Amino acid sequence: MLQNLHNIPTTTINNNRPSINKKKKNYGRLIKRLKFKFKSTNTILRKTDKSTVFHLGKVDDYTKKSDEYMEKTKAYKCLGTIDPLPDLIRRTNKYLLDLRLAKWISQKQYEQLCIQNSNDVELAHLYYLPKAHKPGTPLRPIVAGLKHPTIKISKLLDELLRPLFDQMASKTTITSGFELLKHVQEWSKSNLRQNTLFCTIDVTDLYTMVPQVEGV
């Protein structure tokens, strides 16, 4: 196929460019019309949770469900015009400097973890993905914090603690279907009976249920 493309005369490619440009313009007009339609009808387009399809919903419905979730968990709040990011950057860098002066971290770790450019960080924010496969289309809350001022510290702690956690939880953790079958075969020798039940647990609002101080 590459050879065929190589053999196509340059004039043929140039002759096709007007049609390509026309298609781009048509797509551009279509997108503008869709955006205008969504705005005029108070509609929001979102990718659904755990699927590759999209969901059309009313902005008022999303806002209502978001307000209910925030009121129930009391873990989030709208900042409005308040911007706590500069203070977060200052406190994070001060904390890291204190650790460096106390020789709890190395100079290399300090340079890797501190925030040198404020443009590289942003506040964590809450958004939702609609669960179109469930009745009433509930929203799945997601916190986007990949650029939060403390994300580098979180990653370092995960690298340090993950091996220890995996080792301690290895006997009670199943990571694959093959491993599950292996454990079931072992349990069947003594613990499984005809009336044994396997259950799945759906925990609602897990992260907001864990107190921050006790969790740390």
N, C-alpha and C. Protein backbone atom coordinates (compact mmCIF):
# COMPACT_ATOMS: atom_id res chain seq x y z
N MET A 1 0.83 -1.20 0.00
CA MET A 1 0.00 0.00 0.00
C MET A 1 0.87 1.26 0.00
N LEU A 2 1.98 1.21 0.78
CA LEU A 2 2.89 2.35 0.80
C LEU A 2 3.50 2.59 -0.57
N GLN A 3 3.80 1.47 -1.28
CA GLN A 3 4.37 1.60 -2.61
C GLN A 3 3.39 2.27 -3.57
N ASN A 4 2.10 1.88 -3.43
CA ASN A 4 1.07 2.48 -4.29
C ASN A 4 0.94 3.97 -4.03
N LEU A 5 1.01 4.34 -2.74
CA LEU A 5 0.93 5.76 -2.41
C LEU A 5 2.13 6.51 -2.95
N HIS A 6 3.28 5.84 -2.91
CA HIS A 6 4.50 6.47 -3.41
C HIS A 6 4.43 6.72 -4.92
N ASN A 7 3.72 5.81 -5.61
CA ASN A 7 3.64 5.90 -7.07
C ASN A 7 2.59 6.89 -7.56
N ILE A 8 1.74 7.38 -6.63
CA ILE A 8 0.71 8.33 -7.05
C ILE A 8 1.36 9.64 -7.48
N PRO A 9 1.05 10.14 -8.65
CA PRO A 9 1.65 11.40 -9.10
C PRO A 9 1.30 12.55 -8.17
N THR A 10 2.23 13.46 -8.03
CA THR A 10 2.02 14.62 -7.17
C THR A 10 0.84 15.45 -7.63
N THR A 11 0.62 15.50 -8.92
CA THR A 11 -0.49 16.29 -9.46
C THR A 11 -1.83 15.74 -8.99
N THR A 12 -1.92 14.39 -8.85
CA THR A 12 -3.16 13.78 -8.38
C THR A 12 -3.46 14.20 -6.95
N ILE A 13 -2.40 14.20 -6.12
CA ILE A 13 -2.58 14.60 -4.73
C ILE A 13 -3.01 16.06 -4.65
N ASN A 14 -2.35 16.89 -5.46
CA ASN A 14 -2.70 18.31 -5.45
C ASN A 14 -4.13 18.54 -5.93
N ASN A 15 -4.58 17.73 -6.89
CA ASN A 15 -5.94 17.88 -7.40
C ASN A 15 -6.98 17.51 -6.35
N ASN A 16 -6.61 16.62 -5.40
CA ASN A 16 -7.55 16.19 -4.37
C ASN A 16 -7.63 17.17 -3.20
N ARG A 17 -6.68 18.08 -3.12
CA ARG A 17 -6.64 19.00 -1.98
C ARG A 17 -7.87 19.89 -1.89
N PRO A 18 -8.41 20.43 -2.98
CA PRO A 18 -9.62 21.24 -2.86
C PRO A 18 -10.78 20.49 -2.21
N SER A 19 -10.95 19.20 -2.57
CA SER A 19 -12.05 18.42 -1.98
C SER A 19 -11.81 18.18 -0.50
N ILE A 20 -10.52 17.98 -0.12
CA ILE A 20 -10.20 17.79 1.29
C ILE A 20 -10.48 19.06 2.08
N ASN A 21 -10.07 20.19 1.54
CA ASN A 21 -10.33 21.46 2.21
C ASN A 21 -11.82 21.73 2.33
N LYS A 22 -12.58 21.33 1.32
CA LYS A 22 -14.03 21.52 1.35
C LYS A 22 -14.65 20.69 2.46
N LYS A 23 -14.16 19.44 2.61
CA LYS A 23 -14.68 18.59 3.68
C LYS A 23 -14.38 19.19 5.05
N LYS A 24 -13.17 19.73 5.22
CA LYS A 24 -12.81 20.35 6.49
C LYS A 24 -13.73 21.52 6.81
N LYS A 25 -14.03 22.33 5.79
CA LYS A 25 -14.93 23.45 6.01
C LYS A 25 -16.33 22.97 6.38
N ASN A 26 -16.78 21.90 5.71
CA ASN A 26 -18.10 21.36 6.02
C ASN A 26 -18.16 20.84 7.45
N TYR A 27 -17.10 20.13 7.88
CA TYR A 27 -17.04 19.64 9.25
C TYR A 27 -17.03 20.80 10.24
N GLY A 28 -16.29 21.85 9.89
CA GLY A 28 -16.23 23.02 10.76
C GLY A 28 -17.60 23.66 10.93
N ARG A 29 -18.34 23.79 9.82
CA ARG A 29 -19.69 24.36 9.89
C ARG A 29 -20.61 23.47 10.72
N LEU A 30 -20.48 22.15 10.54
CA LEU A 30 -21.32 21.21 11.28
C LEU A 30 -21.08 21.32 12.78
N ILE A 31 -19.82 21.41 13.17
CA ILE A 31 -19.48 21.53 14.59
C ILE A 31 -20.03 22.83 15.16
N LYS A 32 -19.93 23.92 14.41
CA LYS A 32 -20.47 25.19 14.87
C LYS A 32 -21.98 25.11 15.06
N ARG A 33 -22.67 24.46 14.11
CA ARG A 33 -24.12 24.32 14.22
C ARG A 33 -24.50 23.47 15.43
N LEU A 34 -23.72 22.40 15.68
CA LEU A 34 -24.00 21.54 16.83
C LEU A 34 -23.80 22.30 18.14
N LYS A 35 -22.71 23.07 18.22
CA LYS A 35 -22.46 23.86 19.42
C LYS A 35 -23.58 24.86 19.66
N PHE A 36 -24.05 25.51 18.59
CA PHE A 36 -25.14 26.47 18.72
C PHE A 36 -26.42 25.76 19.17
N LYS A 37 -26.66 24.57 18.61
CA LYS A 37 -27.86 23.80 18.96
C LYS A 37 -27.82 23.38 20.42
N PHE A 38 -26.66 22.90 20.88
CA PHE A 38 -26.53 22.48 22.28
C PHE A 38 -26.77 23.66 23.22
N LYS A 39 -26.19 24.82 22.86
CA LYS A 39 -26.32 25.99 23.72
C LYS A 39 -27.74 26.51 23.75
N SER A 40 -28.40 26.54 22.60
CA SER A 40 -29.76 27.09 22.53
C SER A 40 -30.78 26.17 23.18
N THR A 41 -30.51 24.87 23.23
CA THR A 41 -31.44 23.91 23.84
C THR A 41 -31.02 23.49 25.24
N ASN A 42 -29.98 24.15 25.78
CA ASN A 42 -29.53 23.85 27.14
C ASN A 42 -29.16 22.37 27.28
N THR A 43 -28.41 21.87 26.29
CA THR A 43 -28.05 20.45 26.23
C THR A 43 -26.55 20.29 26.40
N ILE A 44 -26.16 19.18 27.05
CA ILE A 44 -24.75 18.89 27.25
C ILE A 44 -24.43 17.52 26.67
N LEU A 45 -23.29 17.41 26.02
CA LEU A 45 -22.84 16.15 25.41
C LEU A 45 -21.66 15.63 26.22
N ARG A 46 -21.79 14.40 26.75
CA ARG A 46 -20.73 13.83 27.56
C ARG A 46 -20.49 12.38 27.16
N LYS A 47 -19.24 11.95 27.24
CA LYS A 47 -18.92 10.55 27.07
C LYS A 47 -19.44 9.78 28.28
N THR A 48 -20.03 8.62 28.04
CA THR A 48 -20.62 7.86 29.13
C THR A 48 -19.57 7.08 29.91
N ASP A 49 -19.94 6.69 31.12
CA ASP A 49 -19.04 5.93 31.98
C ASP A 49 -18.98 4.48 31.51
N LYS A 50 -17.78 3.94 31.41
CA LYS A 50 -17.53 2.53 31.08
C LYS A 50 -18.07 2.14 29.70
N SER A 51 -18.04 3.04 28.75
CA SER A 51 -18.45 2.71 27.39
C SER A 51 -17.85 3.74 26.44
N THR A 52 -18.04 3.51 25.15
CA THR A 52 -17.48 4.41 24.14
C THR A 52 -18.55 5.28 23.48
N VAL A 53 -19.77 5.24 23.99
CA VAL A 53 -20.85 6.03 23.41
C VAL A 53 -20.97 7.36 24.16
N PHE A 54 -21.78 8.26 23.59
CA PHE A 54 -21.98 9.58 24.19
C PHE A 54 -23.43 9.72 24.65
N HIS A 55 -23.63 10.61 25.59
CA HIS A 55 -24.95 10.82 26.17
C HIS A 55 -25.33 12.29 26.05
N LEU A 56 -26.56 12.53 25.62
CA LEU A 56 -27.11 13.88 25.54
C LEU A 56 -28.03 14.10 26.74
N GLY A 57 -27.76 15.13 27.50
CA GLY A 57 -28.59 15.42 28.66
C GLY A 57 -28.78 16.91 28.83
N LYS A 58 -29.72 17.27 29.68
CA LYS A 58 -30.00 18.67 29.95
C LYS A 58 -29.04 19.21 31.01
N VAL A 59 -28.57 20.42 30.79
CA VAL A 59 -27.65 21.05 31.73
C VAL A 59 -28.28 21.17 33.11
N ASP A 60 -29.57 21.50 33.16
CA ASP A 60 -30.26 21.64 34.44
C ASP A 60 -30.26 20.33 35.21
N ASP A 61 -30.41 19.21 34.50
CA ASP A 61 -30.41 17.90 35.15
C ASP A 61 -29.03 17.59 35.73
N TYR A 62 -27.99 17.89 34.96
CA TYR A 62 -26.62 17.68 35.45
C TYR A 62 -26.35 18.55 36.68
N THR A 63 -26.78 19.81 36.61
CA THR A 63 -26.55 20.73 37.72
C THR A 63 -27.26 20.26 38.98
N LYS A 64 -28.49 19.79 38.84
CA LYS A 64 -29.26 19.30 39.99
C LYS A 64 -28.58 18.10 40.63
N LYS A 65 -28.16 17.14 39.81
CA LYS A 65 -27.50 15.95 40.34
C LYS A 65 -26.16 16.30 40.98
N SER A 66 -25.45 17.25 40.40
CA SER A 66 -24.18 17.68 40.97
C SER A 66 -24.39 18.36 42.32
N ASP A 67 -25.38 19.23 42.41
CA ASP A 67 -25.68 19.90 43.68
C ASP A 67 -26.06 18.89 44.75
N GLU A 68 -26.86 17.89 44.38
CA GLU A 68 -27.28 16.87 45.34
C GLU A 68 -26.08 16.07 45.84
N TYR A 69 -25.17 15.74 44.93
CA TYR A 69 -23.98 14.97 45.31
C TYR A 69 -23.08 15.79 46.24
N MET A 70 -22.86 17.05 45.91
CA MET A 70 -22.00 17.89 46.73
C MET A 70 -22.62 18.15 48.09
N GLU A 71 -23.93 18.27 48.14
CA GLU A 71 -24.62 18.47 49.42
C GLU A 71 -24.55 17.21 50.27
N LYS A 72 -24.66 16.05 49.64
CA LYS A 72 -24.64 14.78 50.37
C LYS A 72 -23.26 14.49 50.95
N THR A 73 -22.22 14.67 50.17
CA THR A 73 -20.87 14.32 50.61
C THR A 73 -20.20 15.44 51.41
N LYS A 74 -20.58 16.68 51.12
CA LYS A 74 -19.96 17.85 51.75
C LYS A 74 -18.43 17.81 51.63
N ALA A 75 -17.96 17.26 50.53
CA ALA A 75 -16.52 17.14 50.30
C ALA A 75 -16.02 18.15 49.27
N TYR A 76 -16.93 18.87 48.63
CA TYR A 76 -16.54 19.80 47.57
C TYR A 76 -17.29 21.12 47.76
N LYS A 77 -16.76 22.15 47.17
CA LYS A 77 -17.45 23.44 47.18
C LYS A 77 -17.05 24.24 45.95
N CYS A 78 -17.96 25.09 45.52
CA CYS A 78 -17.68 25.97 44.38
C CYS A 78 -16.83 27.15 44.87
N LEU A 79 -15.75 27.42 44.16
CA LEU A 79 -14.83 28.47 44.58
C LEU A 79 -15.23 29.84 44.09
N GLY A 80 -15.99 29.88 43.00
CA GLY A 80 -16.35 31.18 42.44
C GLY A 80 -15.12 31.92 41.94
N THR A 81 -14.90 33.12 42.45
CA THR A 81 -13.74 33.91 42.03
C THR A 81 -12.52 33.69 42.92
N ILE A 82 -12.66 32.86 43.95
CA ILE A 82 -11.54 32.59 44.86
C ILE A 82 -10.54 31.66 44.18
N ASP A 83 -9.28 32.01 44.26
CA ASP A 83 -8.22 31.19 43.66
C ASP A 83 -7.19 30.82 44.74
N PRO A 84 -7.32 29.63 45.33
CA PRO A 84 -6.37 29.22 46.37
C PRO A 84 -5.07 28.63 45.83
N LEU A 85 -4.91 28.59 44.51
CA LEU A 85 -3.74 27.95 43.92
C LEU A 85 -2.42 28.59 44.35
N PRO A 86 -2.27 29.93 44.30
CA PRO A 86 -0.99 30.52 44.73
C PRO A 86 -0.61 30.14 46.16
N ASP A 87 -1.59 30.11 47.06
CA ASP A 87 -1.29 29.74 48.45
C ASP A 87 -0.91 28.27 48.56
N LEU A 88 -1.56 27.41 47.76
CA LEU A 88 -1.21 25.99 47.76
C LEU A 88 0.22 25.78 47.27
N ILE A 89 0.60 26.52 46.25
CA ILE A 89 1.97 26.42 45.72
C ILE A 89 2.98 26.85 46.79
N ARG A 90 2.68 27.96 47.45
CA ARG A 90 3.58 28.49 48.48
C ARG A 90 3.73 27.50 49.63
N ARG A 91 2.61 26.96 50.12
CA ARG A 91 2.66 26.04 51.25
C ARG A 91 3.35 24.73 50.89
N THR A 92 3.10 24.26 49.66
CA THR A 92 3.75 23.01 49.22
C THR A 92 5.26 23.18 49.14
N ASN A 93 5.71 24.26 48.55
CA ASN A 93 7.15 24.51 48.45
C ASN A 93 7.79 24.72 49.82
N LYS A 94 7.08 25.39 50.72
CA LYS A 94 7.61 25.61 52.07
C LYS A 94 7.73 24.28 52.81
N TYR A 95 6.73 23.43 52.67
CA TYR A 95 6.77 22.12 53.32
C TYR A 95 7.95 21.30 52.81
N LEU A 96 8.17 21.32 51.51
CA LEU A 96 9.28 20.58 50.92
C LEU A 96 10.63 21.16 51.37
N LEU A 97 10.70 22.48 51.47
CA LEU A 97 11.94 23.11 51.93
C LEU A 97 12.24 22.73 53.38
N ASP A 98 11.21 22.68 54.21
CA ASP A 98 11.40 22.26 55.60
C ASP A 98 11.91 20.82 55.67
N LEU A 99 11.37 19.95 54.82
CA LEU A 99 11.84 18.57 54.77
C LEU A 99 13.30 18.50 54.32
N ARG A 100 13.66 19.36 53.37
CA ARG A 100 15.04 19.36 52.87
C ARG A 100 16.00 19.85 53.94
N LEU A 101 15.64 20.92 54.65
CA LEU A 101 16.50 21.47 55.69
C LEU A 101 16.65 20.49 56.85
N ALA A 102 15.60 19.70 57.10
CA ALA A 102 15.67 18.69 58.15
C ALA A 102 16.33 17.40 57.67
N LYS A 103 16.74 17.38 56.40
CA LYS A 103 17.43 16.24 55.78
C LYS A 103 16.55 14.98 55.73
N TRP A 104 15.23 15.20 55.62
CA TRP A 104 14.32 14.07 55.42
C TRP A 104 14.25 13.68 53.96
N ILE A 105 14.56 14.60 53.07
CA ILE A 105 14.63 14.31 51.64
C ILE A 105 15.94 14.86 51.10
N SER A 106 16.38 14.31 50.00
CA SER A 106 17.64 14.75 49.39
C SER A 106 17.41 16.01 48.55
N GLN A 107 18.51 16.61 48.14
CA GLN A 107 18.42 17.79 47.28
C GLN A 107 17.78 17.43 45.95
N LYS A 108 18.11 16.25 45.43
CA LYS A 108 17.53 15.81 44.17
C LYS A 108 16.02 15.62 44.30
N GLN A 109 15.58 15.02 45.39
CA GLN A 109 14.14 14.83 45.61
C GLN A 109 13.44 16.18 45.77
N TYR A 110 14.09 17.10 46.47
CA TYR A 110 13.50 18.43 46.65
C TYR A 110 13.30 19.12 45.30
N GLU A 111 14.30 19.05 44.44
CA GLU A 111 14.20 19.69 43.13
C GLU A 111 13.15 19.02 42.26
N GLN A 112 12.97 17.72 42.42
CA GLN A 112 11.97 17.00 41.62
C GLN A 112 10.55 17.29 42.10
N LEU A 113 10.38 17.51 43.40
CA LEU A 113 9.04 17.64 43.97
C LEU A 113 8.54 19.08 44.04
N CYS A 114 9.44 20.03 44.16
CA CYS A 114 8.99 21.42 44.33
C CYS A 114 8.42 21.97 43.02
N ILE A 115 7.61 23.01 43.16
CA ILE A 115 6.95 23.64 42.01
C ILE A 115 7.78 24.83 41.58
N GLN A 116 8.42 24.73 40.44
CA GLN A 116 9.29 25.78 39.95
C GLN A 116 8.57 26.73 38.98
N ASN A 117 7.52 26.23 38.34
CA ASN A 117 6.76 27.05 37.39
C ASN A 117 5.27 26.90 37.70
N SER A 118 4.64 28.00 38.07
CA SER A 118 3.22 27.95 38.45
C SER A 118 2.32 27.57 37.28
N ASN A 119 2.82 27.72 36.06
CA ASN A 119 2.03 27.34 34.88
C ASN A 119 1.92 25.83 34.71
N ASP A 120 2.73 25.08 35.45
CA ASP A 120 2.72 23.62 35.32
C ASP A 120 1.68 22.96 36.23
N VAL A 121 1.03 23.74 37.09
CA VAL A 121 0.07 23.16 38.04
C VAL A 121 -1.29 23.85 37.89
N GLU A 122 -2.31 23.17 38.38
CA GLU A 122 -3.66 23.73 38.39
C GLU A 122 -4.45 23.07 39.50
N LEU A 123 -5.54 23.69 39.89
CA LEU A 123 -6.38 23.13 40.95
C LEU A 123 -7.07 21.86 40.48
N ALA A 124 -7.20 20.91 41.39
CA ALA A 124 -8.00 19.73 41.08
C ALA A 124 -9.46 20.15 40.93
N HIS A 125 -10.17 19.55 39.99
CA HIS A 125 -11.56 19.93 39.77
C HIS A 125 -12.43 18.69 39.60
N LEU A 126 -13.69 18.86 39.90
CA LEU A 126 -14.66 17.77 39.88
C LEU A 126 -15.46 17.81 38.58
N TYR A 127 -15.60 16.65 37.95
CA TYR A 127 -16.49 16.54 36.79
C TYR A 127 -17.19 15.19 36.84
N TYR A 128 -18.11 14.97 35.92
CA TYR A 128 -18.96 13.78 35.99
C TYR A 128 -19.04 13.07 34.64
N LEU A 129 -19.23 11.75 34.72
CA LEU A 129 -19.55 10.95 33.54
C LEU A 129 -20.90 10.29 33.79
N PRO A 130 -21.83 10.41 32.85
CA PRO A 130 -23.16 9.81 33.05
C PRO A 130 -23.12 8.29 32.94
N LYS A 131 -23.81 7.63 33.85
CA LYS A 131 -23.94 6.17 33.82
C LYS A 131 -25.22 5.83 33.06
N ALA A 132 -25.13 5.84 31.73
CA ALA A 132 -26.31 5.65 30.90
C ALA A 132 -26.88 4.24 31.01
N HIS A 133 -26.09 3.29 31.50
CA HIS A 133 -26.55 1.90 31.61
C HIS A 133 -27.36 1.66 32.88
N LYS A 134 -27.51 2.68 33.73
CA LYS A 134 -28.25 2.52 34.98
C LYS A 134 -29.52 3.38 34.95
N PRO A 135 -30.57 2.94 35.66
CA PRO A 135 -31.83 3.71 35.67
C PRO A 135 -31.63 5.12 36.22
N GLY A 136 -32.23 6.08 35.57
CA GLY A 136 -32.12 7.46 36.02
C GLY A 136 -30.85 8.17 35.60
N THR A 137 -29.96 7.45 34.96
CA THR A 137 -28.67 8.01 34.49
C THR A 137 -27.96 8.78 35.60
N PRO A 138 -27.53 8.08 36.65
CA PRO A 138 -26.75 8.76 37.69
C PRO A 138 -25.40 9.20 37.15
N LEU A 139 -24.74 10.07 37.87
CA LEU A 139 -23.45 10.60 37.44
C LEU A 139 -22.32 9.99 38.27
N ARG A 140 -21.26 9.65 37.59
CA ARG A 140 -20.07 9.16 38.28
C ARG A 140 -19.11 10.33 38.51
N PRO A 141 -18.85 10.69 39.76
CA PRO A 141 -17.96 11.82 40.04
C PRO A 141 -16.49 11.44 39.84
N ILE A 142 -15.73 12.30 39.21
CA ILE A 142 -14.31 12.08 38.99
C ILE A 142 -13.56 13.37 39.33
N VAL A 143 -12.50 13.23 40.10
CA VAL A 143 -11.67 14.38 40.44
C VAL A 143 -10.42 14.36 39.56
N ALA A 144 -10.25 15.38 38.76
CA ALA A 144 -9.07 15.51 37.90
C ALA A 144 -8.01 16.28 38.67
N GLY A 145 -6.96 15.58 39.09
CA GLY A 145 -5.93 16.22 39.89
C GLY A 145 -4.52 15.91 39.44
N LEU A 146 -4.36 15.60 38.16
CA LEU A 146 -3.04 15.21 37.65
C LEU A 146 -2.04 16.36 37.65
N LYS A 147 -2.55 17.60 37.76
CA LYS A 147 -1.64 18.75 37.81
C LYS A 147 -1.73 19.50 39.14
N HIS A 148 -2.27 18.83 40.15
CA HIS A 148 -2.39 19.46 41.46
C HIS A 148 -0.99 19.69 42.05
N PRO A 149 -0.80 20.74 42.86
CA PRO A 149 0.52 21.03 43.41
C PRO A 149 1.17 19.88 44.18
N THR A 150 0.36 18.99 44.77
CA THR A 150 0.92 17.90 45.58
C THR A 150 0.98 16.57 44.83
N ILE A 151 0.71 16.56 43.53
CA ILE A 151 0.64 15.29 42.80
C ILE A 151 2.00 14.59 42.77
N LYS A 152 3.10 15.33 42.70
CA LYS A 152 4.42 14.70 42.68
C LYS A 152 4.71 14.02 44.01
N ILE A 153 4.28 14.64 45.10
CA ILE A 153 4.46 14.04 46.42
C ILE A 153 3.65 12.76 46.53
N SER A 154 2.42 12.79 46.00
CA SER A 154 1.56 11.60 46.03
C SER A 154 2.19 10.45 45.26
N LYS A 155 2.76 10.75 44.10
CA LYS A 155 3.39 9.70 43.29
C LYS A 155 4.60 9.11 44.00
N LEU A 156 5.39 9.95 44.66
CA LEU A 156 6.55 9.45 45.39
C LEU A 156 6.13 8.55 46.54
N LEU A 157 5.11 8.96 47.29
CA LEU A 157 4.61 8.13 48.39
C LEU A 157 4.07 6.80 47.88
N ASP A 158 3.40 6.84 46.74
CA ASP A 158 2.88 5.60 46.16
C ASP A 158 4.01 4.66 45.77
N GLU A 159 5.09 5.21 45.21
CA GLU A 159 6.23 4.38 44.85
C GLU A 159 6.88 3.75 46.07
N LEU A 160 6.87 4.48 47.20
CA LEU A 160 7.49 3.97 48.42
C LEU A 160 6.61 2.96 49.14
N LEU A 161 5.30 3.22 49.17
CA LEU A 161 4.39 2.40 49.96
C LEU A 161 3.77 1.25 49.18
N ARG A 162 3.68 1.37 47.85
CA ARG A 162 3.01 0.35 47.05
C ARG A 162 3.62 -1.03 47.22
N PRO A 163 4.95 -1.19 47.15
CA PRO A 163 5.52 -2.54 47.32
C PRO A 163 5.19 -3.14 48.68
N LEU A 164 5.21 -2.32 49.74
CA LEU A 164 4.88 -2.81 51.08
C LEU A 164 3.43 -3.23 51.16
N PHE A 165 2.53 -2.41 50.61
CA PHE A 165 1.11 -2.75 50.62
C PHE A 165 0.83 -4.02 49.82
N ASP A 166 1.42 -4.12 48.64
CA ASP A 166 1.21 -5.31 47.80
C ASP A 166 1.68 -6.57 48.51
N GLN A 167 2.78 -6.46 49.25
CA GLN A 167 3.30 -7.62 49.97
C GLN A 167 2.37 -8.03 51.10
N MET A 168 1.86 -7.06 51.85
CA MET A 168 1.00 -7.35 52.99
C MET A 168 -0.38 -7.83 52.55
N ALA A 169 -0.85 -7.36 51.38
CA ALA A 169 -2.20 -7.70 50.92
C ALA A 169 -2.21 -8.80 49.87
N SER A 170 -1.06 -9.41 49.62
CA SER A 170 -0.96 -10.39 48.54
C SER A 170 -1.87 -11.60 48.75
N LYS A 171 -2.06 -12.01 50.01
CA LYS A 171 -2.85 -13.21 50.28
C LYS A 171 -4.35 -12.96 50.19
N THR A 172 -4.76 -11.71 50.22
CA THR A 172 -6.19 -11.39 50.17
C THR A 172 -6.55 -10.56 48.95
N THR A 173 -5.65 -10.46 47.99
CA THR A 173 -5.88 -9.66 46.79
C THR A 173 -5.86 -10.53 45.55
N ILE A 174 -6.86 -10.34 44.68
CA ILE A 174 -6.94 -11.07 43.41
C ILE A 174 -6.86 -10.05 42.28
N THR A 175 -5.92 -10.23 41.39
CA THR A 175 -5.67 -9.24 40.35
C THR A 175 -6.04 -9.70 38.95
N SER A 176 -6.44 -10.96 38.79
CA SER A 176 -6.77 -11.46 37.45
C SER A 176 -7.73 -12.63 37.55
N GLY A 177 -8.39 -12.94 36.41
CA GLY A 177 -9.30 -14.08 36.38
C GLY A 177 -8.58 -15.39 36.61
N PHE A 178 -7.38 -15.52 36.08
CA PHE A 178 -6.59 -16.75 36.27
C PHE A 178 -6.27 -16.96 37.75
N GLU A 179 -5.92 -15.86 38.43
CA GLU A 179 -5.62 -15.97 39.86
C GLU A 179 -6.86 -16.33 40.66
N LEU A 180 -8.02 -15.82 40.24
CA LEU A 180 -9.28 -16.16 40.91
C LEU A 180 -9.57 -17.65 40.79
N LEU A 181 -9.41 -18.20 39.59
CA LEU A 181 -9.64 -19.64 39.40
C LEU A 181 -8.69 -20.47 40.26
N LYS A 182 -7.47 -20.02 40.36
CA LYS A 182 -6.48 -20.73 41.17
C LYS A 182 -6.89 -20.76 42.64
N HIS A 183 -7.36 -19.60 43.15
CA HIS A 183 -7.80 -19.54 44.54
C HIS A 183 -9.06 -20.36 44.77
N VAL A 184 -9.98 -20.32 43.81
CA VAL A 184 -11.22 -21.09 43.94
C VAL A 184 -10.91 -22.58 44.03
N GLN A 185 -9.97 -23.06 43.24
CA GLN A 185 -9.57 -24.46 43.30
C GLN A 185 -8.99 -24.82 44.66
N GLU A 186 -8.22 -23.91 45.24
CA GLU A 186 -7.65 -24.16 46.56
C GLU A 186 -8.73 -24.14 47.64
N TRP A 187 -9.66 -23.18 47.53
CA TRP A 187 -10.73 -23.09 48.52
C TRP A 187 -11.68 -24.27 48.43
N SER A 188 -11.86 -24.80 47.23
CA SER A 188 -12.82 -25.89 47.03
C SER A 188 -12.43 -27.15 47.78
N LYS A 189 -11.18 -27.26 48.17
CA LYS A 189 -10.72 -28.46 48.88
C LYS A 189 -11.25 -28.52 50.30
N SER A 190 -11.55 -27.36 50.88
CA SER A 190 -11.98 -27.38 52.28
C SER A 190 -13.10 -26.40 52.62
N ASN A 191 -13.15 -25.25 51.92
CA ASN A 191 -14.05 -24.18 52.35
C ASN A 191 -15.31 -24.03 51.51
N LEU A 192 -15.33 -24.54 50.28
CA LEU A 192 -16.48 -24.36 49.41
C LEU A 192 -17.50 -25.48 49.58
N ARG A 193 -18.77 -25.07 49.64
CA ARG A 193 -19.86 -26.02 49.73
C ARG A 193 -20.92 -25.66 48.70
N GLN A 194 -21.95 -26.47 48.60
CA GLN A 194 -22.99 -26.21 47.60
C GLN A 194 -23.75 -24.92 47.89
N ASN A 195 -23.84 -24.54 49.16
CA ASN A 195 -24.57 -23.32 49.52
C ASN A 195 -23.64 -22.11 49.67
N THR A 196 -22.40 -22.21 49.23
CA THR A 196 -21.47 -21.08 49.29
C THR A 196 -21.87 -20.01 48.27
N LEU A 197 -21.87 -18.77 48.69
CA LEU A 197 -22.25 -17.66 47.82
C LEU A 197 -21.05 -16.75 47.56
N PHE A 198 -20.93 -16.30 46.31
CA PHE A 198 -19.95 -15.29 45.94
C PHE A 198 -20.69 -13.96 45.76
N CYS A 199 -20.20 -12.92 46.38
CA CYS A 199 -20.89 -11.63 46.34
C CYS A 199 -19.95 -10.53 45.86
N THR A 200 -20.52 -9.55 45.20
CA THR A 200 -19.79 -8.33 44.86
C THR A 200 -20.37 -7.18 45.67
N ILE A 201 -19.53 -6.26 46.04
CA ILE A 201 -19.94 -5.13 46.87
C ILE A 201 -19.72 -3.83 46.10
N ASP A 202 -20.76 -3.05 46.00
CA ASP A 202 -20.67 -1.74 45.34
C ASP A 202 -20.67 -0.66 46.42
N VAL A 203 -19.51 -0.07 46.65
CA VAL A 203 -19.36 0.95 47.69
C VAL A 203 -19.65 2.32 47.08
N THR A 204 -20.57 3.04 47.69
CA THR A 204 -20.95 4.37 47.20
C THR A 204 -20.12 5.45 47.89
N ASP A 205 -19.56 6.34 47.09
CA ASP A 205 -18.80 7.48 47.62
C ASP A 205 -17.69 7.02 48.57
N LEU A 206 -16.88 6.07 48.13
CA LEU A 206 -15.83 5.50 48.98
C LEU A 206 -14.84 6.56 49.44
N TYR A 207 -14.31 7.34 48.52
CA TYR A 207 -13.23 8.27 48.87
C TYR A 207 -13.70 9.38 49.80
N THR A 208 -14.92 9.84 49.63
CA THR A 208 -15.40 10.91 50.50
C THR A 208 -15.84 10.37 51.86
N MET A 209 -15.97 9.03 51.99
CA MET A 209 -16.32 8.44 53.27
C MET A 209 -15.11 8.33 54.19
N VAL A 210 -13.91 8.33 53.64
CA VAL A 210 -12.69 8.17 54.43
C VAL A 210 -12.23 9.54 54.93
N PRO A 211 -12.20 9.76 56.26
CA PRO A 211 -11.71 11.05 56.78
C PRO A 211 -10.27 11.28 56.36
N GLN A 212 -9.94 12.49 55.94
CA GLN A 212 -8.61 12.77 55.41
C GLN A 212 -7.51 12.55 56.44
N VAL A 213 -7.71 13.05 57.66
CA VAL A 213 -6.66 12.94 58.68
C VAL A 213 -6.42 11.48 59.05
N GLU A 214 -7.50 10.74 59.33
CA GLU A 214 -7.35 9.34 59.68
C GLU A 214 -6.82 8.52 58.51
N GLY A 215 -7.21 8.91 57.29
CA GLY A 215 -6.75 8.18 56.11
C GLY A 215 -5.25 8.33 55.91
N VAL A 216 -4.73 9.52 56.17
CA VAL A 216 -3.29 9.76 56.04
C VAL A 216 -2.54 9.08 57.17
